[in-house]
Protein backbone atom coordinates (compact mmCIF):
# COMPACT_ATOMS: atom_id res chain seq x y z
CA MET A 1 90.71 97.74 84.82
CA LYS A 2 88.35 94.88 86.08
CA ASN A 3 90.92 92.64 86.97
CA THR A 4 93.00 95.57 88.57
CA LEU A 5 90.04 96.73 90.74
CA LEU A 6 89.27 93.17 91.82
CA SER A 7 93.36 92.69 92.72
CA ILE A 8 92.99 95.64 94.86
CA GLU A 9 89.55 94.50 96.44
CA ASN A 10 91.61 91.24 97.39
CA VAL A 11 94.19 93.04 98.89
CA VAL A 12 91.75 95.42 100.87
CA ASN A 13 89.82 92.62 102.19
CA ASN A 14 92.71 90.91 103.27
CA PHE A 15 93.55 93.55 105.65
CA SER A 16 89.85 93.99 106.54
CA ARG A 17 90.17 90.57 108.18
CA MET A 18 93.02 91.85 110.67
CA ILE A 19 91.10 95.08 111.09
CA VAL A 20 87.95 94.44 111.94
CA ALA A 21 89.41 91.77 114.46
CA ASP A 22 89.92 95.20 116.46
CA GLY A 23 86.83 96.84 115.75
CA GLY A 24 87.79 98.98 112.96
CA ASN A 25 86.57 98.75 109.14
CA ILE A 26 88.07 99.41 105.96
CA SER A 27 86.61 99.90 102.73
CA ILE A 28 87.82 101.14 98.98
CA GLN A 29 86.19 104.66 98.53
CA SER A 30 87.87 104.84 94.51
CA PHE A 31 90.43 103.95 92.55
CA ASP A 32 91.68 106.20 89.23
CA GLU A 33 93.49 103.51 87.05
CA ASP A 34 94.52 106.89 84.94
CA GLU A 35 95.94 109.14 87.73
CA SER A 36 97.16 106.06 90.05
CA ILE A 37 95.27 106.76 92.85
CA LEU A 38 93.64 104.40 95.59
CA ILE A 39 91.62 106.22 98.29
CA VAL A 40 90.63 103.76 101.21
CA ASP A 41 88.26 104.80 104.08
CA TYR A 42 89.45 103.57 107.50
CA PHE A 43 88.33 103.46 110.59
CA LYS A 44 90.16 102.53 113.24
CA GLY A 45 89.04 100.31 115.74
CA SER A 46 90.59 99.98 119.37
CA ASN A 47 92.55 97.00 121.22
CA LEU A 48 92.18 97.78 125.23
CA ARG A 49 94.93 94.72 125.57
CA CYS A 50 97.44 95.85 123.04
CA GLU A 51 96.74 99.42 121.83
CA TYR A 52 100.16 99.09 119.50
CA CYS A 53 98.47 96.12 117.80
CA VAL A 54 95.90 98.60 116.02
CA ILE A 55 97.40 99.47 112.43
CA ASP A 56 97.88 103.44 112.16
CA GLU A 57 97.33 104.73 108.62
CA VAL A 58 100.78 105.59 107.66
CA SER A 59 101.40 101.82 108.07
CA LEU A 60 98.08 100.51 106.53
CA ARG A 61 99.08 102.78 103.55
CA ASP A 62 102.72 100.73 103.21
CA PHE A 63 100.80 97.73 103.45
CA ILE A 64 98.51 98.02 101.10
CA ALA A 65 100.95 99.89 98.78
CA GLU A 66 103.48 96.77 99.35
CA ALA A 67 100.94 94.12 98.77
CA LEU A 68 99.53 95.53 95.55
CA GLY A 69 103.55 95.94 94.57
CA ALA A 70 103.93 92.53 94.91
CA ARG A 71 101.22 91.53 93.09
CA GLY A 72 102.53 93.55 90.13
CA ILE A 73 99.96 95.93 90.49
CA GLU A 74 101.01 99.87 90.26
CA VAL A 75 99.38 102.20 92.45
CA HIS A 76 101.38 105.73 92.70
CA ASN A 77 99.37 107.14 95.33
CA VAL A 78 97.59 105.07 98.33
CA VAL A 79 95.24 107.43 100.21
CA ILE A 80 94.14 106.60 103.72
CA ASN A 81 90.80 108.51 105.14
CA SER A 82 90.33 108.52 108.45
CA VAL A 83 86.93 108.44 109.32
CA GLN A 84 84.78 108.14 111.96
CA PRO A 85 81.88 104.98 112.63
């Protein structure tokens, strides 16, 4: 589990760099390996110059799932919780 969680943290941190650039924030709320569920808190920032450049919740979920799969980490359900600052 420790290696799996480290790999998940690395994936989320990679997306964090993009999200922070738009004033947003992302963090892992929980990961249940037995149920294969990852829950992520996401504060969607804003970009006045390009509102379409900000990642929406559905795309973020899909990007995370794809990145995990590419690393051989099977997570059946990625849940994105929209949060306010």
